[in-house]
Amino acid sequence: MRVVWFALAFLDMAVAPELAFAQDGAAADGGRWGIAIGAGLAIGLAGLGCGIGQGNAANGAVQGIARNPGAAAKIQTPMLIALALIESIALYGLIIGFFLQNKV
């Protein structure tokens, strides 16, 4: 829960200077900070979710191999395929972040 509050406080501090220096007629440039934050969140959340998923996949594989060392070859191949698919989700997040960053 502390991480969530820290992230919200960080976003609040990141947005505050732009709002403090905003002028009355400068509303046309107001949406660009949202796109930049969206790009950062896309990369960050994709990395966070994929890291958790890869940790869970590796944990299950290691526990399975520890219980039955003879099944290591049968466990390792599906685990590597699953890790590659999980990593592709992180790459999709990176690509979305780059696409959003080009709009800024």
C-alpha atoms as a PDB file:
ATOM      1  CA  MET A   1       0.000   0.000   0.000  1.00  0.00           C
ATOM      2  CA  ARG A   2       2.915   2.330   0.676  1.00  0.00           C
ATOM      3  CA  VAL A   3       4.096   1.880  -2.910  1.00  0.00           C
ATOM      4  CA  VAL A   4       0.736   3.082  -4.226  1.00  0.00           C
ATOM      5  CA  TRP A   5       0.827   6.179  -2.044  1.00  0.00           C
ATOM      6  CA  PHE A   6       4.412   6.868  -3.068  1.00  0.00           C
ATOM      7  CA  ALA A   7       3.476   6.554  -6.755  1.00  0.00           C
ATOM      8  CA  LEU A   8       0.502   8.888  -6.346  1.00  0.00           C
ATOM      9  CA  ALA A   9       2.629  11.440  -4.488  1.00  0.00           C
ATOM     10  CA  PHE A  10       5.295  11.233  -7.201  1.00  0.00           C
ATOM     11  CA  LEU A  11       2.707  11.813  -9.946  1.00  0.00           C
ATOM     12  CA  ASP A  12       1.278  14.721  -7.973  1.00  0.00           C
ATOM     13  CA  MET A  13       4.705  16.342  -7.709  1.00  0.00           C
ATOM     14  CA  ALA A  14       5.412  15.671 -11.387  1.00  0.00           C
ATOM     15  CA  VAL A  15       2.214  17.411 -12.506  1.00  0.00           C
ATOM     16  CA  ALA A  16       2.267  20.309 -10.025  1.00  0.00           C
ATOM     17  CA  PRO A  17       4.927  22.500 -11.735  1.00  0.00           C
ATOM     18  CA  GLU A  18       3.085  22.519 -15.056  1.00  0.00           C
ATOM     19  CA  LEU A  19      -0.144  23.510 -13.361  1.00  0.00           C
ATOM     20  CA  ALA A  20       1.586  26.200 -11.313  1.00  0.00           C
ATOM     21  CA  PHE A  21       3.136  27.876 -14.363  1.00  0.00           C
ATOM     22  CA  ALA A  22       0.103  27.518 -16.640  1.00  0.00           C
ATOM     23  CA  GLN A  23      -1.220  30.657 -18.246  1.00  0.00           C
ATOM     24  CA  ASP A  24      -4.858  31.448 -18.879  1.00  0.00           C
ATOM     25  CA  GLY A  25      -4.742  31.067 -22.661  1.00  0.00           C
ATOM     26  CA  ALA A  26      -2.371  28.086 -22.790  1.00  0.00           C
ATOM     27  CA  ALA A  27      -4.981  25.299 -22.705  1.00  0.00           C
ATOM     28  CA  ALA A  28      -3.978  23.938 -26.145  1.00  0.00           C
ATOM     29  CA  ASP A  29      -0.808  22.317 -24.766  1.00  0.00           C
ATOM     30  CA  GLY A  30      -2.483  20.925 -21.649  1.00  0.00           C
ATOM     31  CA  GLY A  31      -2.964  17.349 -22.870  1.00  0.00           C
ATOM     32  CA  ARG A  32       0.659  16.536 -23.625  1.00  0.00           C
ATOM     33  CA  TRP A  33       1.626  15.777 -20.045  1.00  0.00           C
ATOM     34  CA  GLY A  34      -1.118  13.135 -19.925  1.00  0.00           C
ATOM     35  CA  ILE A  35       0.324  11.385 -22.965  1.00  0.00           C
ATOM     36  CA  ALA A  36       3.800  11.430 -21.422  1.00  0.00           C
ATOM     37  CA  ILE A  37       2.514   9.969 -18.151  1.00  0.00           C
ATOM     38  CA  GLY A  38       0.570   7.355 -20.140  1.00  0.00           C
ATOM     39  CA  ALA A  39       3.725   6.331 -21.973  1.00  0.00           C
ATOM     40  CA  GLY A  40       5.621   5.964 -18.718  1.00  0.00           C
ATOM     41  CA  LEU A  41       2.809   3.993 -17.124  1.00  0.00           C
ATOM     42  CA  ALA A  42       2.549   1.700 -20.156  1.00  0.00           C
ATOM     43  CA  ILE A  43       6.208   0.761 -19.921  1.00  0.00           C
ATOM     44  CA  GLY A  44       6.270   0.597 -16.133  1.00  0.00           C
ATOM     45  CA  LEU A  45       3.137  -1.460 -15.641  1.00  0.00           C
ATOM     46  CA  ALA A  46       4.063  -3.828 -18.458  1.00  0.00           C
ATOM     47  CA  GLY A  47       7.461  -4.391 -16.872  1.00  0.00           C
ATOM     48  CA  LEU A  48       5.968  -4.824 -13.415  1.00  0.00           C
ATOM     49  CA  GLY A  49       3.333  -7.309 -14.530  1.00  0.00           C
ATOM     50  CA  CYS A  50       5.758  -9.293 -16.646  1.00  0.00           C
ATOM     51  CA  GLY A  51       8.310  -9.413 -13.848  1.00  0.00           C
ATOM     52  CA  ILE A  52       5.724 -10.818 -11.471  1.00  0.00           C
ATOM     53  CA  GLY A  53       4.561 -13.328 -14.083  1.00  0.00           C
ATOM     54  CA  GLN A  54       8.076 -14.488 -14.872  1.00  0.00           C
ATOM     55  CA  GLY A  55       8.845 -14.849 -11.184  1.00  0.00           C
ATOM     56  CA  ASN A  56       5.753 -17.006 -10.670  1.00  0.00           C
ATOM     57  CA  ALA A  57       6.575 -19.147 -13.724  1.00  0.00           C
ATOM     58  CA  ALA A  58      10.164 -19.689 -12.622  1.00  0.00           C
ATOM     59  CA  ASN A  59       9.018 -20.424  -9.067  1.00  0.00           C
ATOM     60  CA  GLY A  60       6.626 -23.130 -10.261  1.00  0.00           C
ATOM     61  CA  ALA A  61       9.221 -24.666 -12.550  1.00  0.00           C
ATOM     62  CA  VAL A  62      11.917 -24.764  -9.889  1.00  0.00           C
ATOM     63  CA  GLN A  63       9.522 -26.282  -7.364  1.00  0.00           C
ATOM     64  CA  GLY A  64       8.453 -28.902  -9.908  1.00  0.00           C
ATOM     65  CA  ILE A  65      12.059 -29.802 -10.717  1.00  0.00           C
ATOM     66  CA  ALA A  66      12.907 -29.950  -6.998  1.00  0.00           C
ATOM     67  CA  ARG A  67      10.079 -32.416  -6.388  1.00  0.00           C
ATOM     68  CA  ASN A  68      10.844 -34.560  -9.430  1.00  0.00           C
ATOM     69  CA  PRO A  69      14.346 -34.036 -10.873  1.00  0.00           C
ATOM     70  CA  GLY A  70      13.673 -36.599 -13.599  1.00  0.00           C
ATOM     71  CA  ALA A  71      11.014 -34.345 -15.131  1.00  0.00           C
ATOM     72  CA  ALA A  72      13.362 -31.384 -15.579  1.00  0.00           C
ATOM     73  CA  ALA A  73      13.439 -31.678 -19.380  1.00  0.00           C
ATOM     74  CA  LYS A  74       9.629 -31.867 -19.579  1.00  0.00           C
ATOM     75  CA  ILE A  75       9.248 -28.841 -17.314  1.00  0.00           C
ATOM     76  CA  GLN A  76      11.976 -26.665 -18.796  1.00  0.00           C
ATOM     77  CA  THR A  77      10.674 -26.456 -22.386  1.00  0.00           C
ATOM     78  CA  PRO A  78       7.129 -25.246 -21.535  1.00  0.00           C
ATOM     79  CA  MET A  79       8.608 -22.862 -18.979  1.00  0.00           C
ATOM     80  CA  LEU A  80      10.870 -21.259 -21.603  1.00  0.00           C
ATOM     81  CA  ILE A  81       7.939 -20.914 -24.012  1.00  0.00           C
ATOM     82  CA  ALA A  82       5.847 -19.315 -21.270  1.00  0.00           C
ATOM     83  CA  LEU A  83       8.666 -16.909 -20.371  1.00  0.00           C
ATOM     84  CA  ALA A  84       9.002 -15.891 -24.030  1.00  0.00           C
ATOM     85  CA  LEU A  85       5.276 -15.173 -24.242  1.00  0.00           C
ATOM     86  CA  ILE A  86       5.371 -13.173 -21.014  1.00  0.00           C
ATOM     87  CA  GLU A  87       8.343 -11.174 -22.318  1.00  0.00           C
ATOM     88  CA  SER A  88       6.430 -10.405 -25.524  1.00  0.00           C
ATOM     89  CA  ILE A  89       3.816  -8.628 -23.408  1.00  0.00           C
ATOM     90  CA  ALA A  90       6.557  -6.423 -21.965  1.00  0.00           C
ATOM     91  CA  LEU A  91       7.727  -5.624 -25.492  1.00  0.00           C
ATOM     92  CA  TYR A  92       4.165  -4.669 -26.460  1.00  0.00           C
ATOM     93  CA  GLY A  93       4.134  -2.253 -23.520  1.00  0.00           C
ATOM     94  CA  LEU A  94       7.434  -0.795 -24.690  1.00  0.00           C
ATOM     95  CA  ILE A  95       6.086  -0.330 -28.223  1.00  0.00           C
ATOM     96  CA  ILE A  96       2.913   1.340 -26.939  1.00  0.00           C
ATOM     97  CA  GLY A  97       5.067   3.630 -24.808  1.00  0.00           C
ATOM     98  CA  PHE A  98       7.124   4.615 -27.853  1.00  0.00           C
ATOM     99  CA  PHE A  99       3.982   5.260 -29.902  1.00  0.00           C
ATOM    100  CA  LEU A 100       2.583   7.480 -27.159  1.00  0.00           C
ATOM    101  CA  GLN A 101       5.907   9.259 -26.755  1.00  0.00           C
ATOM    102  CA  ASN A 102       5.889  10.180 -30.460  1.00  0.00           C
ATOM    103  CA  LYS A 103       2.618  12.054 -29.895  1.00  0.00           C
ATOM    104  CA  VAL A 104       4.197  14.389 -27.337  1.00  0.00           C
END
